[in-house]
Amino acid sequence: MAYPIYWLEQLLSPVLFVLEPMISKLTGGRGLAVPFATEEELKIALEEGGKAGVLETEEVKMIKNVFQLNDITAEDSMTPRLYVFGLDGNLQLKEAQEQLFNSKYSRIPVFDGNLDNITGILYKTKALTELALGHSDLRLKEIAQPALFVPGGKPADDLMKQFQQEKRHMAVVVNEFGGMTGLVTLEDLLEEVVGEIMDETDITEELIKRIGKNQILVHGRTEVRRINEFLKVNLGEEPTTVSGLIQDHLGRIPAVGEEVQVGQCRLVVHEADEKSIKSVQILKEEKAGAPADSAGVGLPG
């Protein structure tokens, strides 16, 4: 099905300040007011604009990423359960205040018993305000907002529309049995548009860090597709994270120092515990069996 261009405006109003100048280059300064009839027409205009130098390569990529949102799911974009920070909703504010002060998150899921039973989303500003007012006996669940639950297979574009319609910024991703598998935020979805165009020096250091000519150090939850983009390799698409990729090859959680060969890349476990892989060192070989930088596979210093 071909979508009218206003679909872009409805879907990505949070980032129109970024997209509008790019579209304007294609439309003689009139931005999204110009009625491209179909998605295909815009894609053709993008290609021509890129070839003619009207648009930068990064700008073309960003707009193209918008059209790929229908192929990306909530599960693809979410923070996996293993990395989710939550608080017991039965805790009083005075009992949770240290965790609240130390938390870097503005929205925190609260649960009853465990993360499979999330009862709401706590806004940190609301919690700190209540503390300042002396309401320290309030329980977290009493001031939490209702949570939004979505299936893992929900397309990212549909979820973004739902976020806009319901004025939400976070959703709890659940599996077919109702178990919580992760959290997805509006920021996660917007990063699907702008995150893919980051160059090597811009990618978040906590996820990908270059340590040599053809070597990188990545967080265990780094998405394989981002590594493919960064190193210009093909490690496949499933499993979605580098941790899952290694465990899929070995059939277990590996120890530090264990490695697997996937295509032209050697993946070495840099940090792990009994539950998960924390970080992985990846060495890209120029061609099969011939490492481009075989010396110093371990981290320097």
C-alpha atoms as a PDB file:
ATOM      1  CA  MET A   1       0.000   0.000   0.000  1.00  0.00           C
ATOM      2  CA  ALA A   2       1.298   3.462  -0.906  1.00  0.00           C
ATOM      3  CA  TYR A   3       1.078   6.056   1.868  1.00  0.00           C
ATOM      4  CA  PRO A   4       0.481   9.806   1.314  1.00  0.00           C
ATOM      5  CA  ILE A   5       3.311  12.054   2.397  1.00  0.00           C
ATOM      6  CA  TYR A   6       1.272  13.469   5.284  1.00  0.00           C
ATOM      7  CA  TRP A   7       1.923  10.128   6.956  1.00  0.00           C
ATOM      8  CA  LEU A   8       5.427  11.444   7.613  1.00  0.00           C
ATOM      9  CA  GLU A   9       4.047  14.490   9.357  1.00  0.00           C
ATOM     10  CA  GLN A  10       1.609  12.534  11.509  1.00  0.00           C
ATOM     11  CA  LEU A  11       4.127   9.860  12.405  1.00  0.00           C
ATOM     12  CA  LEU A  12       7.154  11.974  13.123  1.00  0.00           C
ATOM     13  CA  SER A  13       5.851  15.245  14.487  1.00  0.00           C
ATOM     14  CA  PRO A  14       8.328  14.973  17.406  1.00  0.00           C
ATOM     15  CA  VAL A  15      11.228  15.280  14.954  1.00  0.00           C
ATOM     16  CA  LEU A  16       9.736  17.491  12.259  1.00  0.00           C
ATOM     17  CA  PHE A  17      12.176  20.215  13.248  1.00  0.00           C
ATOM     18  CA  VAL A  18      14.864  17.854  11.930  1.00  0.00           C
ATOM     19  CA  LEU A  19      13.058  16.521   8.870  1.00  0.00           C
ATOM     20  CA  GLU A  20      11.428  19.744   7.684  1.00  0.00           C
ATOM     21  CA  PRO A  21      14.654  21.419   6.460  1.00  0.00           C
ATOM     22  CA  MET A  22      15.610  18.253   4.583  1.00  0.00           C
ATOM     23  CA  ILE A  23      12.236  17.912   2.861  1.00  0.00           C
ATOM     24  CA  SER A  24      12.342  21.636   2.062  1.00  0.00           C
ATOM     25  CA  LYS A  25      15.482  21.079   0.003  1.00  0.00           C
ATOM     26  CA  LEU A  26      13.464  18.757  -2.221  1.00  0.00           C
ATOM     27  CA  THR A  27      10.408  21.000  -2.437  1.00  0.00           C
ATOM     28  CA  GLY A  28      11.843  24.422  -3.109  1.00  0.00           C
ATOM     29  CA  GLY A  29      11.441  25.638   0.440  1.00  0.00           C
ATOM     30  CA  ARG A  30       7.833  24.539   0.881  1.00  0.00           C
ATOM     31  CA  GLY A  31       8.613  21.615   3.177  1.00  0.00           C
ATOM     32  CA  LEU A  32       5.947  18.996   3.823  1.00  0.00           C
ATOM     33  CA  ALA A  33       3.252  21.181   2.266  1.00  0.00           C
ATOM     34  CA  VAL A  34       4.164  19.795  -1.162  1.00  0.00           C
ATOM     35  CA  PRO A  35       1.831  16.838  -1.889  1.00  0.00           C
ATOM     36  CA  PHE A  36       4.006  13.891  -2.893  1.00  0.00           C
ATOM     37  CA  ALA A  37       1.332  11.359  -3.870  1.00  0.00           C
ATOM     38  CA  THR A  38       3.023   8.244  -2.591  1.00  0.00           C
ATOM     39  CA  GLU A  39       5.850   6.948  -0.494  1.00  0.00           C
ATOM     40  CA  GLU A  40       7.497   5.680  -3.681  1.00  0.00           C
ATOM     41  CA  GLU A  41       7.514   9.173  -5.204  1.00  0.00           C
ATOM     42  CA  LEU A  42       9.257  10.547  -2.137  1.00  0.00           C
ATOM     43  CA  LYS A  43      11.826   7.747  -2.247  1.00  0.00           C
ATOM     44  CA  ILE A  44      12.570   8.572  -5.880  1.00  0.00           C
ATOM     45  CA  ALA A  45      12.890  12.252  -4.991  1.00  0.00           C
ATOM     46  CA  LEU A  46      15.261  11.307  -2.179  1.00  0.00           C
ATOM     47  CA  GLU A  47      17.477   9.305  -4.521  1.00  0.00           C
ATOM     48  CA  GLU A  48      17.575  12.125  -7.048  1.00  0.00           C
ATOM     49  CA  GLY A  49      18.188  14.701  -4.339  1.00  0.00           C
ATOM     50  CA  GLY A  50      21.066  12.651  -2.997  1.00  0.00           C
ATOM     51  CA  LYS A  51      22.659  12.174  -6.404  1.00  0.00           C
ATOM     52  CA  ALA A  52      22.322  15.860  -7.221  1.00  0.00           C
ATOM     53  CA  GLY A  53      23.846  16.902  -3.916  1.00  0.00           C
ATOM     54  CA  VAL A  54      20.667  18.628  -2.749  1.00  0.00           C
ATOM     55  CA  LEU A  55      20.624  16.336   0.283  1.00  0.00           C
ATOM     56  CA  GLU A  56      23.535  15.013   2.299  1.00  0.00           C
ATOM     57  CA  THR A  57      23.947  11.234   2.499  1.00  0.00           C
ATOM     58  CA  GLU A  58      23.051  11.314   6.195  1.00  0.00           C
ATOM     59  CA  GLU A  59      19.861  13.247   5.459  1.00  0.00           C
ATOM     60  CA  VAL A  60      18.774  10.697   2.867  1.00  0.00           C
ATOM     61  CA  LYS A  61      19.392   7.876   5.349  1.00  0.00           C
ATOM     62  CA  MET A  62      17.397   9.590   8.056  1.00  0.00           C
ATOM     63  CA  ILE A  63      14.297  10.047   5.917  1.00  0.00           C
ATOM     64  CA  LYS A  64      14.570   6.511   4.528  1.00  0.00           C
ATOM     65  CA  ASN A  65      14.682   5.180   8.077  1.00  0.00           C
ATOM     66  CA  VAL A  66      11.206   6.620   8.603  1.00  0.00           C
ATOM     67  CA  PHE A  67       9.819   4.229   6.023  1.00  0.00           C
ATOM     68  CA  GLN A  68      11.530   1.272   7.671  1.00  0.00           C
ATOM     69  CA  LEU A  69       9.678   1.772  10.946  1.00  0.00           C
ATOM     70  CA  ASN A  70       6.919  -0.550   9.750  1.00  0.00           C
ATOM     71  CA  ASP A  71       9.498  -3.353   9.561  1.00  0.00           C
ATOM     72  CA  ILE A  72      10.801  -2.720  13.089  1.00  0.00           C
ATOM     73  CA  THR A  73       8.899  -3.968  16.127  1.00  0.00           C
ATOM     74  CA  ALA A  74       8.621  -2.916  19.746  1.00  0.00           C
ATOM     75  CA  GLU A  75      10.764  -5.921  20.637  1.00  0.00           C
ATOM     76  CA  ASP A  76      13.492  -4.760  18.235  1.00  0.00           C
ATOM     77  CA  SER A  77      13.663  -1.338  19.875  1.00  0.00           C
ATOM     78  CA  MET A  78      13.127  -2.194  23.541  1.00  0.00           C
ATOM     79  CA  THR A  79      15.511  -2.389  26.464  1.00  0.00           C
ATOM     80  CA  PRO A  80      15.490  -6.099  27.392  1.00  0.00           C
ATOM     81  CA  ARG A  81      14.088  -7.134  30.766  1.00  0.00           C
ATOM     82  CA  LEU A  82      17.568  -8.018  32.040  1.00  0.00           C
ATOM     83  CA  TYR A  83      18.542  -4.330  31.900  1.00  0.00           C
ATOM     84  CA  VAL A  84      15.271  -2.860  33.197  1.00  0.00           C
ATOM     85  CA  PHE A  85      15.374  -0.967  36.491  1.00  0.00           C
ATOM     86  CA  GLY A  86      12.165  -1.207  38.491  1.00  0.00           C
ATOM     87  CA  LEU A  87      10.949  -0.674  42.052  1.00  0.00           C
ATOM     88  CA  ASP A  88       8.504  -2.574  44.239  1.00  0.00           C
ATOM     89  CA  GLY A  89       5.297  -0.576  44.284  1.00  0.00           C
ATOM     90  CA  ASN A  90       4.686  -1.473  47.918  1.00  0.00           C
ATOM     91  CA  LEU A  91       7.748   0.466  49.036  1.00  0.00           C
ATOM     92  CA  GLN A  92       7.156   3.766  50.785  1.00  0.00           C
ATOM     93  CA  LEU A  93       8.854   6.833  49.367  1.00  0.00           C
ATOM     94  CA  LYS A  94      11.115   7.044  52.404  1.00  0.00           C
ATOM     95  CA  GLU A  95      12.231   3.452  51.779  1.00  0.00           C
ATOM     96  CA  ALA A  96      12.946   4.053  48.102  1.00  0.00           C
ATOM     97  CA  GLN A  97      14.362   7.566  48.249  1.00  0.00           C
ATOM     98  CA  GLU A  98      18.019   6.537  47.971  1.00  0.00           C
ATOM     99  CA  GLN A  99      17.301   4.458  44.866  1.00  0.00           C
ATOM    100  CA  LEU A 100      15.244   7.298  43.426  1.00  0.00           C
ATOM    101  CA  PHE A 101      17.994   9.851  44.006  1.00  0.00           C
ATOM    102  CA  ASN A 102      20.604   7.567  42.449  1.00  0.00           C
ATOM    103  CA  SER A 103      18.509   6.486  39.469  1.00  0.00           C
ATOM    104  CA  LYS A 104      19.296   8.064  36.108  1.00  0.00           C
ATOM    105  CA  TYR A 105      15.795   7.316  34.802  1.00  0.00           C
ATOM    106  CA  SER A 106      12.925   9.806  34.715  1.00  0.00           C
ATOM    107  CA  ARG A 107      10.254   7.087  34.417  1.00  0.00           C
ATOM    108  CA  ILE A 108      10.501   3.913  36.476  1.00  0.00           C
ATOM    109  CA  PRO A 109       8.229   0.849  36.290  1.00  0.00           C
ATOM    110  CA  VAL A 110       6.807  -0.233  39.635  1.00  0.00           C
ATOM    111  CA  PHE A 111       5.770  -3.818  40.227  1.00  0.00           C
ATOM    112  CA  ASP A 112       4.041  -6.124  42.669  1.00  0.00           C
ATOM    113  CA  GLY A 113       6.350  -9.019  43.454  1.00  0.00           C
ATOM    114  CA  ASN A 114       8.395  -9.030  40.245  1.00  0.00           C
ATOM    115  CA  LEU A 115       8.669  -7.420  36.823  1.00  0.00           C
ATOM    116  CA  ASP A 116       6.051  -9.771  35.368  1.00  0.00           C
ATOM    117  CA  ASN A 117       3.463  -7.884  37.382  1.00  0.00           C
ATOM    118  CA  ILE A 118       4.061  -4.224  36.596  1.00  0.00           C
ATOM    119  CA  THR A 119       1.381  -2.058  38.173  1.00  0.00           C
ATOM    120  CA  GLY A 120       2.353   1.361  36.877  1.00  0.00           C
ATOM    121  CA  ILE A 121       5.013   3.846  35.828  1.00  0.00           C
ATOM    122  CA  LEU A 122       6.491   6.160  38.438  1.00  0.00           C
ATOM    123  CA  TYR A 123       7.580   9.625  37.350  1.00  0.00           C
ATOM    124  CA  LYS A 124      10.730  10.518  39.253  1.00  0.00           C
ATOM    125  CA  THR A 125       9.799  14.208  39.418  1.00  0.00           C
ATOM    126  CA  LYS A 126       6.446  13.309  40.988  1.00  0.00           C
ATOM    127  CA  ALA A 127       8.128  11.083  43.569  1.00  0.00           C
ATOM    128  CA  LEU A 128      10.722  13.711  44.513  1.00  0.00           C
ATOM    129  CA  THR A 129       8.024  16.382  44.739  1.00  0.00           C
ATOM    130  CA  GLU A 130       6.002  14.255  47.160  1.00  0.00           C
ATOM    131  CA  LEU A 131       9.133  13.663  49.230  1.00  0.00           C
ATOM    132  CA  ALA A 132       9.825  17.396  49.356  1.00  0.00           C
ATOM    133  CA  LEU A 133       6.252  17.971  50.545  1.00  0.00           C
ATOM    134  CA  GLY A 134       6.818  15.562  53.421  1.00  0.00           C
ATOM    135  CA  HIS A 135       4.641  12.764  52.047  1.00  0.00           C
ATOM    136  CA  SER A 136       7.304  10.130  52.620  1.00  0.00           C
ATOM    137  CA  ASP A 137       4.813   7.509  53.828  1.00  0.00           C
ATOM    138  CA  LEU A 138       3.150   7.284  50.415  1.00  0.00           C
ATOM    139  CA  ARG A 139       3.672   3.996  48.619  1.00  0.00           C
ATOM    140  CA  LEU A 140       5.097   4.114  45.113  1.00  0.00           C
ATOM    141  CA  LYS A 141       2.039   2.413  43.632  1.00  0.00           C
ATOM    142  CA  GLU A 142      -0.158   5.199  45.016  1.00  0.00           C
ATOM    143  CA  ILE A 143       1.501   7.868  42.898  1.00  0.00           C
ATOM    144  CA  ALA A 144       2.388   5.787  39.827  1.00  0.00           C
ATOM    145  CA  GLN A 145       0.621   6.329  36.512  1.00  0.00           C
ATOM    146  CA  PRO A 146      -1.112   3.468  34.656  1.00  0.00           C
ATOM    147  CA  ALA A 147       1.262   1.497  32.443  1.00  0.00           C
ATOM    148  CA  LEU A 148       0.795   0.926  28.715  1.00  0.00           C
ATOM    149  CA  PHE A 149       1.263  -2.706  27.657  1.00  0.00           C
ATOM    150  CA  VAL A 150       2.063  -3.682  24.066  1.00  0.00           C
ATOM    151  CA  PRO A 151       2.955  -6.965  22.342  1.00  0.00           C
ATOM    152  CA  GLY A 152       6.534  -7.461  21.197  1.00  0.00           C
ATOM    153  CA  GLY A 153       5.461  -7.720  17.573  1.00  0.00           C
ATOM    154  CA  LYS A 154       3.769  -4.310  17.440  1.00  0.00           C
ATOM    155  CA  PRO A 155       5.239  -2.298  14.525  1.00  0.00           C
ATOM    156  CA  ALA A 156       7.294   0.707  15.594  1.00  0.00           C
ATOM    157  CA  ASP A 157       5.288   3.130  13.455  1.00  0.00           C
ATOM    158  CA  ASP A 158       2.002   1.992  15.037  1.00  0.00           C
ATOM    159  CA  LEU A 159       3.519   2.292  18.496  1.00  0.00           C
ATOM    160  CA  MET A 160       4.788   5.787  17.776  1.00  0.00           C
ATOM    161  CA  LYS A 161       1.291   6.823  16.697  1.00  0.00           C
ATOM    162  CA  GLN A 162      -0.121   5.299  19.888  1.00  0.00           C
ATOM    163  CA  PHE A 163       2.409   7.202  21.986  1.00  0.00           C
ATOM    164  CA  GLN A 164       1.312  10.433  20.320  1.00  0.00           C
ATOM    165  CA  GLN A 165      -2.415   9.738  20.589  1.00  0.00           C
ATOM    166  CA  GLU A 166      -2.254   8.712  24.248  1.00  0.00           C
ATOM    167  CA  LYS A 167       0.483  11.200  25.186  1.00  0.00           C
ATOM    168  CA  ARG A 168       2.749   8.433  26.429  1.00  0.00           C
ATOM    169  CA  HIS A 169       6.522   8.084  26.442  1.00  0.00           C
ATOM    170  CA  MET A 170       6.969   4.498  27.603  1.00  0.00           C
ATOM    171  CA  ALA A 171       5.383   1.082  27.105  1.00  0.00           C
ATOM    172  CA  VAL A 172       5.859  -2.305  28.757  1.00  0.00           C
ATOM    173  CA  VAL A 173       6.529  -5.002  26.160  1.00  0.00           C
ATOM    174  CA  VAL A 174       4.913  -8.352  26.959  1.00  0.00           C
ATOM    175  CA  ASN A 175       5.012 -11.814  25.403  1.00  0.00           C
ATOM    176  CA  GLU A 176       2.082 -14.045  24.490  1.00  0.00           C
ATOM    177  CA  PHE A 177       1.792 -15.232  28.091  1.00  0.00           C
ATOM    178  CA  GLY A 178       1.697 -11.723  29.522  1.00  0.00           C
ATOM    179  CA  GLY A 179       5.248 -11.886  30.816  1.00  0.00           C
ATOM    180  CA  MET A 180       7.286  -8.687  30.666  1.00  0.00           C
ATOM    181  CA  THR A 181      10.102  -8.872  28.112  1.00  0.00           C
ATOM    182  CA  GLY A 182      11.295  -5.272  28.122  1.00  0.00           C
ATOM    183  CA  LEU A 183      10.567  -1.550  28.018  1.00  0.00           C
ATOM    184  CA  VAL A 184      10.332   0.649  24.942  1.00  0.00           C
ATOM    185  CA  THR A 185      10.294   4.449  24.971  1.00  0.00           C
ATOM    186  CA  LEU A 186       9.534   7.192  22.493  1.00  0.00           C
ATOM    187  CA  GLU A 187      13.238   7.989  22.524  1.00  0.00           C
ATOM    188  CA  ASP A 188      14.003   4.403  21.482  1.00  0.00           C
ATOM    189  CA  LEU A 189      11.725   4.773  18.466  1.00  0.00           C
ATOM    190  CA  LEU A 190      13.148   8.136  17.452  1.00  0.00           C
ATOM    191  CA  GLU A 191      16.626   6.627  17.617  1.00  0.00           C
ATOM    192  CA  GLU A 192      15.519   4.170  14.947  1.00  0.00           C
ATOM    193  CA  VAL A 193      15.310   7.207  12.668  1.00  0.00           C
ATOM    194  CA  VAL A 194      18.309   9.265  13.733  1.00  0.00           C
ATOM    195  CA  GLY A 195      20.482   6.648  15.436  1.00  0.00           C
ATOM    196  CA  GLU A 196      21.281   4.674  12.312  1.00  0.00           C
ATOM    197  CA  ILE A 197      22.987   7.638  10.650  1.00  0.00           C
ATOM    198  CA  MET A 198      25.541   8.246  13.415  1.00  0.00           C
ATOM    199  CA  ASP A 199      29.125   7.980  12.292  1.00  0.00           C
ATOM    200  CA  GLU A 200      31.862   6.089  14.087  1.00  0.00           C
ATOM    201  CA  THR A 201      32.747   8.931  16.443  1.00  0.00           C
ATOM    202  CA  ASP A 202      29.136   9.716  17.373  1.00  0.00           C
ATOM    203  CA  ILE A 203      27.893   6.284  18.415  1.00  0.00           C
ATOM    204  CA  THR A 204      27.257   6.082  22.144  1.00  0.00           C
ATOM    205  CA  GLU A 205      30.442   4.964  23.857  1.00  0.00           C
ATOM    206  CA  GLU A 206      28.596   2.665  26.246  1.00  0.00           C
ATOM    207  CA  LEU A 207      27.373   0.572  23.309  1.00  0.00           C
ATOM    208  CA  ILE A 208      30.218   0.681  20.788  1.00  0.00           C
ATOM    209  CA  LYS A 209      33.797   1.822  21.320  1.00  0.00           C
ATOM    210  CA  ARG A 210      36.569   1.590  18.738  1.00  0.00           C
ATOM    211  CA  ILE A 211      39.790   0.196  20.242  1.00  0.00           C
ATOM    212  CA  GLY A 212      41.812  -0.509  17.101  1.00  0.00           C
ATOM    213  CA  LYS A 213      41.809  -0.277  13.328  1.00  0.00           C
ATOM    214  CA  ASN A 214      39.361  -3.135  12.916  1.00  0.00           C
ATOM    215  CA  GLN A 215      38.480  -3.768  16.552  1.00  0.00           C
ATOM    216  CA  ILE A 216      35.583  -2.570  18.668  1.00  0.00           C
ATOM    217  CA  LEU A 217      34.350  -3.163  22.195  1.00  0.00           C
ATOM    218  CA  VAL A 218      30.570  -3.425  22.517  1.00  0.00           C
ATOM    219  CA  HIS A 219      28.014  -3.807  25.276  1.00  0.00           C
ATOM    220  CA  GLY A 220      26.394  -7.231  25.377  1.00  0.00           C
ATOM    221  CA  ARG A 221      23.008  -5.791  24.488  1.00  0.00           C
ATOM    222  CA  THR A 222      24.247  -3.913  21.421  1.00  0.00           C
ATOM    223  CA  GLU A 223      22.058  -4.752  18.444  1.00  0.00           C
ATOM    224  CA  VAL A 224      23.711  -6.859  15.759  1.00  0.00           C
ATOM    225  CA  ARG A 225      22.320  -4.632  13.028  1.00  0.00           C
ATOM    226  CA  ARG A 226      24.146  -1.640  14.532  1.00  0.00           C
ATOM    227  CA  ILE A 227      27.397  -3.596  14.505  1.00  0.00           C
ATOM    228  CA  ASN A 228      26.739  -4.522  10.874  1.00  0.00           C
ATOM    229  CA  GLU A 229      26.303  -0.832  10.088  1.00  0.00           C
ATOM    230  CA  PHE A 230      29.342   0.270  12.082  1.00  0.00           C
ATOM    231  CA  LEU A 231      31.822  -2.305  10.748  1.00  0.00           C
ATOM    232  CA  LYS A 232      30.216  -2.743   7.302  1.00  0.00           C
ATOM    233  CA  VAL A 233      29.827  -6.492   7.864  1.00  0.00           C
ATOM    234  CA  ASN A 234      26.995  -9.011   7.798  1.00  0.00           C
ATOM    235  CA  LEU A 235      26.546 -10.920  11.044  1.00  0.00           C
ATOM    236  CA  GLY A 236      22.931 -11.712  10.194  1.00  0.00           C
ATOM    237  CA  GLU A 237      19.835 -10.319  11.876  1.00  0.00           C
ATOM    238  CA  GLU A 238      18.915 -13.015  14.396  1.00  0.00           C
ATOM    239  CA  PRO A 239      19.442 -13.094  17.310  1.00  0.00           C
ATOM    240  CA  THR A 240      19.085  -9.352  17.643  1.00  0.00           C
ATOM    241  CA  THR A 241      21.864  -8.671  20.198  1.00  0.00           C
ATOM    242  CA  VAL A 242      25.545  -9.598  20.183  1.00  0.00           C
ATOM    243  CA  SER A 243      25.061 -11.416  23.490  1.00  0.00           C
ATOM    244  CA  GLY A 244      22.280 -13.499  21.970  1.00  0.00           C
ATOM    245  CA  LEU A 245      24.384 -14.158  18.876  1.00  0.00           C
ATOM    246  CA  ILE A 246      27.247 -15.638  20.892  1.00  0.00           C
ATOM    247  CA  GLN A 247      24.957 -17.683  23.124  1.00  0.00           C
ATOM    248  CA  ASP A 248      23.146 -18.994  20.060  1.00  0.00           C
ATOM    249  CA  HIS A 249      26.442 -20.256  18.613  1.00  0.00           C
ATOM    250  CA  LEU A 250      27.682 -21.813  21.864  1.00  0.00           C
ATOM    251  CA  GLY A 251      24.377 -22.958  23.318  1.00  0.00           C
ATOM    252  CA  ARG A 252      25.272 -21.530  26.726  1.00  0.00           C
ATOM    253  CA  ILE A 253      26.525 -18.442  28.535  1.00  0.00           C
ATOM    254  CA  PRO A 254      30.285 -18.369  27.883  1.00  0.00           C
ATOM    255  CA  ALA A 255      33.154 -17.498  30.168  1.00  0.00           C
ATOM    256  CA  VAL A 256      35.448 -14.510  29.735  1.00  0.00           C
ATOM    257  CA  GLY A 257      37.942 -15.133  26.920  1.00  0.00           C
ATOM    258  CA  GLU A 258      35.794 -17.573  24.952  1.00  0.00           C
ATOM    259  CA  GLU A 259      35.247 -16.672  21.332  1.00  0.00           C
ATOM    260  CA  VAL A 260      33.213 -17.511  18.255  1.00  0.00           C
ATOM    261  CA  GLN A 261      33.805 -16.823  14.576  1.00  0.00           C
ATOM    262  CA  VAL A 262      30.850 -15.324  12.717  1.00  0.00           C
ATOM    263  CA  GLY A 263      31.498 -14.507   9.082  1.00  0.00           C
ATOM    264  CA  GLN A 264      34.550 -12.285   8.890  1.00  0.00           C
ATOM    265  CA  CYS A 265      34.393 -11.329  12.568  1.00  0.00           C
ATOM    266  CA  ARG A 266      35.885 -12.901  15.666  1.00  0.00           C
ATOM    267  CA  LEU A 267      33.795 -12.232  18.780  1.00  0.00           C
ATOM    268  CA  VAL A 268      35.644 -12.513  22.102  1.00  0.00           C
ATOM    269  CA  VAL A 269      33.807 -12.357  25.432  1.00  0.00           C
ATOM    270  CA  HIS A 270      35.417  -9.515  27.364  1.00  0.00           C
ATOM    271  CA  GLU A 271      33.222  -9.427  30.463  1.00  0.00           C
ATOM    272  CA  ALA A 272      30.505 -11.799  31.684  1.00  0.00           C
ATOM    273  CA  ASP A 273      28.912 -13.307  34.767  1.00  0.00           C
ATOM    274  CA  GLU A 274      26.855 -16.439  35.358  1.00  0.00           C
ATOM    275  CA  LYS A 275      23.715 -14.803  33.953  1.00  0.00           C
ATOM    276  CA  SER A 276      24.774 -12.730  30.965  1.00  0.00           C
ATOM    277  CA  ILE A 277      27.479 -11.398  28.668  1.00  0.00           C
ATOM    278  CA  LYS A 278      28.374  -7.848  29.675  1.00  0.00           C
ATOM    279  CA  SER A 279      30.776  -6.837  26.899  1.00  0.00           C
ATOM    280  CA  VAL A 280      32.316  -8.300  23.764  1.00  0.00           C
ATOM    281  CA  GLN A 281      35.415  -7.470  21.761  1.00  0.00           C
ATOM    282  CA  ILE A 282      34.962  -7.833  18.008  1.00  0.00           C
ATOM    283  CA  LEU A 283      37.810  -8.171  15.531  1.00  0.00           C
ATOM    284  CA  LYS A 284      36.946  -7.693  11.876  1.00  0.00           C
ATOM    285  CA  GLU A 285      39.122  -9.669   9.499  1.00  0.00           C
ATOM    286  CA  GLU A 286      39.848  -8.256   6.040  1.00  0.00           C
ATOM    287  CA  LYS A 287      39.053 -11.619   4.516  1.00  0.00           C
ATOM    288  CA  ALA A 288      38.292 -15.091   5.798  1.00  0.00           C
ATOM    289  CA  GLY A 289      41.227 -16.512   7.720  1.00  0.00           C
ATOM    290  CA  ALA A 290      43.375 -13.390   7.428  1.00  0.00           C
ATOM    291  CA  PRO A 291      43.010 -10.954  10.330  1.00  0.00           C
ATOM    292  CA  ALA A 292      43.641  -7.348   9.391  1.00  0.00           C
ATOM    293  CA  ASP A 293      45.000  -6.545  12.834  1.00  0.00           C
ATOM    294  CA  SER A 294      45.871  -9.819  14.510  1.00  0.00           C
ATOM    295  CA  ALA A 295      48.103  -8.279  17.166  1.00  0.00           C
ATOM    296  CA  GLY A 296      46.651  -7.073  20.433  1.00  0.00           C
ATOM    297  CA  VAL A 297      43.344  -8.856  20.431  1.00  0.00           C
ATOM    298  CA  GLY A 298      43.071  -8.082  24.134  1.00  0.00           C
ATOM    299  CA  LEU A 299      42.280  -4.613  25.370  1.00  0.00           C
ATOM    300  CA  PRO A 300      45.242  -2.236  25.499  1.00  0.00           C
ATOM    301  CA  GLY A 301      46.606  -1.443  28.922  1.00  0.00           C
END
